[in-house]
C-alpha atoms as a PDB file:
ATOM      1  CA  UNK A   1      13.307 -10.241 -18.434  1.00  0.00           C
ATOM      2  CA  UNK A   2      13.834 -10.298 -14.869  1.00  0.00           C
ATOM      3  CA  UNK A   3      10.548 -11.620 -12.842  1.00  0.00           C
ATOM      4  CA  UNK A   4       8.945  -8.671 -11.131  1.00  0.00           C
ATOM      5  CA  UNK A   5       9.205  -8.451  -7.344  1.00  0.00           C
ATOM      6  CA  UNK A   6       6.105  -8.708  -5.237  1.00  0.00           C
ATOM      7  CA  UNK A   7       5.558  -6.178  -2.505  1.00  0.00           C
ATOM      8  CA  UNK A   8       2.628  -6.259  -0.260  1.00  0.00           C
ATOM      9  CA  UNK A   9       1.283  -3.102   1.278  1.00  0.00           C
ATOM     10  CA  UNK A  10      -0.723  -3.975   4.631  1.00  0.00           C
ATOM     11  CA  UNK A  11      -2.803  -2.050   6.996  1.00  0.00           C
ATOM     12  CA  UNK A  12      -5.988  -2.254   9.024  1.00  0.00           C
ATOM     13  CA  UNK A  13      -8.665  -1.406   6.534  1.00  0.00           C
ATOM     14  CA  UNK A  14      -7.300  -1.288   3.483  1.00  0.00           C
ATOM     15  CA  UNK A  15      -9.366   1.477   2.287  1.00  0.00           C
ATOM     16  CA  UNK A  16      -6.860   4.539   2.142  1.00  0.00           C
ATOM     17  CA  UNK A  17      -3.105   4.608   2.706  1.00  0.00           C
ATOM     18  CA  UNK A  18      -2.583   0.665   1.451  1.00  0.00           C
ATOM     19  CA  UNK A  19      -4.453   1.569  -1.901  1.00  0.00           C
ATOM     20  CA  UNK A  20      -2.820   4.706  -2.207  1.00  0.00           C
ATOM     21  CA  UNK A  21       0.725   2.996  -1.929  1.00  0.00           C
ATOM     22  CA  UNK A  22      -0.299   0.085  -4.014  1.00  0.00           C
ATOM     23  CA  UNK A  23      -1.181   2.816  -6.486  1.00  0.00           C
ATOM     24  CA  UNK A  24       1.917   4.843  -6.370  1.00  0.00           C
ATOM     25  CA  UNK A  25       4.117   1.492  -6.284  1.00  0.00           C
ATOM     26  CA  UNK A  26       2.479  -0.016  -9.648  1.00  0.00           C
ATOM     27  CA  UNK A  27       2.698   3.529 -11.291  1.00  0.00           C
ATOM     28  CA  UNK A  28       6.253   4.501 -10.466  1.00  0.00           C
ATOM     29  CA  UNK A  29       8.168   1.274  -9.785  1.00  0.00           C
ATOM     30  CA  UNK A  30       6.267  -0.709 -12.586  1.00  0.00           C
ATOM     31  CA  UNK A  31       9.654  -1.836 -14.086  1.00  0.00           C
ATOM     32  CA  UNK A  32      10.584  -3.955 -11.278  1.00  0.00           C
ATOM     33  CA  UNK A  33       7.753  -4.361  -8.508  1.00  0.00           C
ATOM     34  CA  UNK A  34       4.230  -5.251  -8.924  1.00  0.00           C
ATOM     35  CA  UNK A  35       2.193  -4.228  -5.696  1.00  0.00           C
ATOM     36  CA  UNK A  36      -0.744  -5.532  -3.861  1.00  0.00           C
ATOM     37  CA  UNK A  37      -2.609  -4.441  -0.825  1.00  0.00           C
ATOM     38  CA  UNK A  38      -4.869  -5.820   1.959  1.00  0.00           C
ATOM     39  CA  UNK A  39      -6.134  -5.297   5.223  1.00  0.00           C
ATOM     40  CA  UNK A  40      -6.752  -7.157   8.293  1.00  0.00           C
ATOM     41  CA  UNK A  41     -10.006  -6.220   9.096  1.00  0.00           C
ATOM     42  CA  UNK A  42     -10.664  -4.791   5.322  1.00  0.00           C
ATOM     43  CA  UNK A  43     -13.513  -2.430   5.187  1.00  0.00           C
ATOM     44  CA  UNK A  44     -14.188  -4.156   1.685  1.00  0.00           C
ATOM     45  CA  UNK A  45     -14.624  -0.341   0.227  1.00  0.00           C
ATOM     46  CA  UNK A  46     -12.004   2.037  -1.106  1.00  0.00           C
ATOM     47  CA  UNK A  47     -12.283   5.695   0.542  1.00  0.00           C
ATOM     48  CA  UNK A  48     -13.934   7.844  -1.959  1.00  0.00           C
ATOM     49  CA  UNK A  49     -11.365  10.741  -1.501  1.00  0.00           C
ATOM     50  CA  UNK A  50      -8.555   8.539  -1.780  1.00  0.00           C
ATOM     51  CA  UNK A  51      -9.983   7.138  -4.796  1.00  0.00           C
ATOM     52  CA  UNK A  52     -10.858  10.393  -6.048  1.00  0.00           C
ATOM     53  CA  UNK A  53      -7.001  11.914  -5.663  1.00  0.00           C
ATOM     54  CA  UNK A  54      -5.692   8.708  -7.212  1.00  0.00           C
ATOM     55  CA  UNK A  55      -8.184   8.938  -9.959  1.00  0.00           C
ATOM     56  CA  UNK A  56      -7.121  12.960 -10.536  1.00  0.00           C
ATOM     57  CA  UNK A  57      -3.258  11.620 -10.690  1.00  0.00           C
ATOM     58  CA  UNK A  58      -4.124   9.092 -13.265  1.00  0.00           C
ATOM     59  CA  UNK A  59      -3.041   6.367 -10.657  1.00  0.00           C
ATOM     60  CA  UNK A  60      -6.340   4.763 -10.431  1.00  0.00           C
ATOM     61  CA  UNK A  61      -7.159   1.249 -11.632  1.00  0.00           C
ATOM     62  CA  UNK A  62     -10.593  -0.480 -11.654  1.00  0.00           C
ATOM     63  CA  UNK A  63      -8.808  -3.608 -10.057  1.00  0.00           C
ATOM     64  CA  UNK A  64      -8.139  -1.829  -6.768  1.00  0.00           C
ATOM     65  CA  UNK A  65     -10.660  -2.595  -4.043  1.00  0.00           C
ATOM     66  CA  UNK A  66     -10.300  -3.465  -0.473  1.00  0.00           C
ATOM     67  CA  UNK A  67      -9.687  -7.088   0.425  1.00  0.00           C
ATOM     68  CA  UNK A  68      -8.196  -9.017   3.285  1.00  0.00           C
ATOM     69  CA  UNK A  69      -5.195 -10.638   3.784  1.00  0.00           C
ATOM     70  CA  UNK A  70      -6.811 -14.213   3.049  1.00  0.00           C
ATOM     71  CA  UNK A  71      -6.938 -13.200  -0.422  1.00  0.00           C
ATOM     72  CA  UNK A  72      -3.189 -12.370  -0.890  1.00  0.00           C
ATOM     73  CA  UNK A  73      -1.676 -15.279   1.215  1.00  0.00           C
ATOM     74  CA  UNK A  74      -0.645 -17.513  -1.866  1.00  0.00           C
ATOM     75  CA  UNK A  75       1.332 -14.932  -3.464  1.00  0.00           C
ATOM     76  CA  UNK A  76       5.089 -15.434  -2.611  1.00  0.00           C
ATOM     77  CA  UNK A  77       5.996 -11.723  -1.779  1.00  0.00           C
ATOM     78  CA  UNK A  78       9.474 -10.420  -1.992  1.00  0.00           C
ATOM     79  CA  UNK A  79       8.624  -7.786   1.032  1.00  0.00           C
ATOM     80  CA  UNK A  80       5.793  -6.889   3.245  1.00  0.00           C
ATOM     81  CA  UNK A  81       5.120  -3.456   4.356  1.00  0.00           C
ATOM     82  CA  UNK A  82       2.812  -2.380   7.022  1.00  0.00           C
ATOM     83  CA  UNK A  83       1.772   1.335   6.674  1.00  0.00           C
ATOM     84  CA  UNK A  84      -0.763   1.545   9.506  1.00  0.00           C
ATOM     85  CA  UNK A  85       0.008   4.175  12.483  1.00  0.00           C
ATOM     86  CA  UNK A  86       1.252   1.744  14.854  1.00  0.00           C
ATOM     87  CA  UNK A  87       0.572   3.870  17.733  1.00  0.00           C
ATOM     88  CA  UNK A  88      -3.307   4.138  16.917  1.00  0.00           C
ATOM     89  CA  UNK A  89      -3.814   0.748  15.428  1.00  0.00           C
ATOM     90  CA  UNK A  90      -2.871  -2.687  15.759  1.00  0.00           C
ATOM     91  CA  UNK A  91      -0.548  -3.640  12.688  1.00  0.00           C
ATOM     92  CA  UNK A  92      -1.179  -7.121  11.358  1.00  0.00           C
ATOM     93  CA  UNK A  93       1.802  -9.502  11.389  1.00  0.00           C
ATOM     94  CA  UNK A  94       2.171 -11.595   7.988  1.00  0.00           C
ATOM     95  CA  UNK A  95       2.506 -15.435   8.373  1.00  0.00           C
ATOM     96  CA  UNK A  96       4.868 -16.301   5.927  1.00  0.00           C
ATOM     97  CA  UNK A  97       8.460 -15.962   6.709  1.00  0.00           C
ATOM     98  CA  UNK A  98       9.407 -12.747   4.299  1.00  0.00           C
ATOM     99  CA  UNK A  99      11.051  -9.613   5.035  1.00  0.00           C
ATOM    100  CA  UNK A 100       8.448  -7.252   6.683  1.00  0.00           C
ATOM    101  CA  UNK A 101       9.032  -3.582   7.452  1.00  0.00           C
ATOM    102  CA  UNK A 102       6.723  -0.963   8.948  1.00  0.00           C
ATOM    103  CA  UNK A 103       6.690   2.559   7.766  1.00  0.00           C
ATOM    104  CA  UNK A 104       3.613   4.333   9.513  1.00  0.00           C
ATOM    105  CA  UNK A 105       1.179   6.840   7.842  1.00  0.00           C
ATOM    106  CA  UNK A 106      -1.631   8.484   9.845  1.00  0.00           C
ATOM    107  CA  UNK A 107      -4.896   7.607   8.636  1.00  0.00           C
ATOM    108  CA  UNK A 108      -6.431  10.872   6.567  1.00  0.00           C
ATOM    109  CA  UNK A 109      -9.792   9.295   6.847  1.00  0.00           C
ATOM    110  CA  UNK A 110     -12.698  11.371   7.760  1.00  0.00           C
ATOM    111  CA  UNK A 111     -10.211  14.512   7.392  1.00  0.00           C
ATOM    112  CA  UNK A 112     -10.319  17.281   4.827  1.00  0.00           C
ATOM    113  CA  UNK A 113      -9.148  16.287   1.175  1.00  0.00           C
ATOM    114  CA  UNK A 114      -5.939  18.288   1.730  1.00  0.00           C
ATOM    115  CA  UNK A 115      -4.715  15.643   4.197  1.00  0.00           C
ATOM    116  CA  UNK A 116      -5.451  12.693   1.485  1.00  0.00           C
ATOM    117  CA  UNK A 117      -2.865  14.891  -0.715  1.00  0.00           C
ATOM    118  CA  UNK A 118      -0.411  15.125   2.033  1.00  0.00           C
ATOM    119  CA  UNK A 119      -0.658  11.480   2.627  1.00  0.00           C
ATOM    120  CA  UNK A 120      -0.084  10.746  -0.778  1.00  0.00           C
ATOM    121  CA  UNK A 121       2.874  13.085  -0.914  1.00  0.00           C
ATOM    122  CA  UNK A 122       4.152  11.497   2.059  1.00  0.00           C
ATOM    123  CA  UNK A 123       3.813   7.617   0.824  1.00  0.00           C
ATOM    124  CA  UNK A 124       5.667   8.580  -2.391  1.00  0.00           C
ATOM    125  CA  UNK A 125       8.451  10.667  -0.674  1.00  0.00           C
ATOM    126  CA  UNK A 126       9.009   7.983   2.250  1.00  0.00           C
ATOM    127  CA  UNK A 127       7.977   4.710   1.193  1.00  0.00           C
ATOM    128  CA  UNK A 128       8.778   4.364  -2.570  1.00  0.00           C
ATOM    129  CA  UNK A 129      12.598   5.109  -2.125  1.00  0.00           C
ATOM    130  CA  UNK A 130      12.318   2.281   0.538  1.00  0.00           C
ATOM    131  CA  UNK A 131      10.844  -0.224  -1.872  1.00  0.00           C
ATOM    132  CA  UNK A 132      13.408   0.929  -4.876  1.00  0.00           C
ATOM    133  CA  UNK A 133      16.417   0.365  -2.692  1.00  0.00           C
ATOM    134  CA  UNK A 134      14.875  -3.262  -1.307  1.00  0.00           C
ATOM    135  CA  UNK A 135      13.222  -4.685  -4.530  1.00  0.00           C
ATOM    136  CA  UNK A 136      14.690  -2.568  -7.411  1.00  0.00           C
ATOM    137  CA  UNK A 137      18.265  -2.021  -7.019  1.00  0.00           C
ATOM    138  CA  UNK A 138      20.123  -5.625  -6.893  1.00  0.00           C
END
């Protein structure tokens, strides 16, 4: 049995996009990848719309929470992906020398619930194939 690869999904607040991505990866790519998420300025709470959507889809785990990058620095990640919308936010840099990619998604926070559904679908369509290609197909 191969060791699962570790991916870090990084964004600014770690309340919405990175949590959604973490949940999606852990459900759909669980055979080869374990995802964690964190934020540079972690808000400390998960966006309630994001959480509700993940619960409705059956993706939510009670271990998911908003956390700062310091809490995950000891993990040897195989890949770090920033998901913040670089045009509007400063995307964090990860200090350890690992492969880092940026795949930006607009933050649905404060928008209508259907925007969260759109963001989750985009993450599934755009982010998952990249992670799968990088970490599962070797």
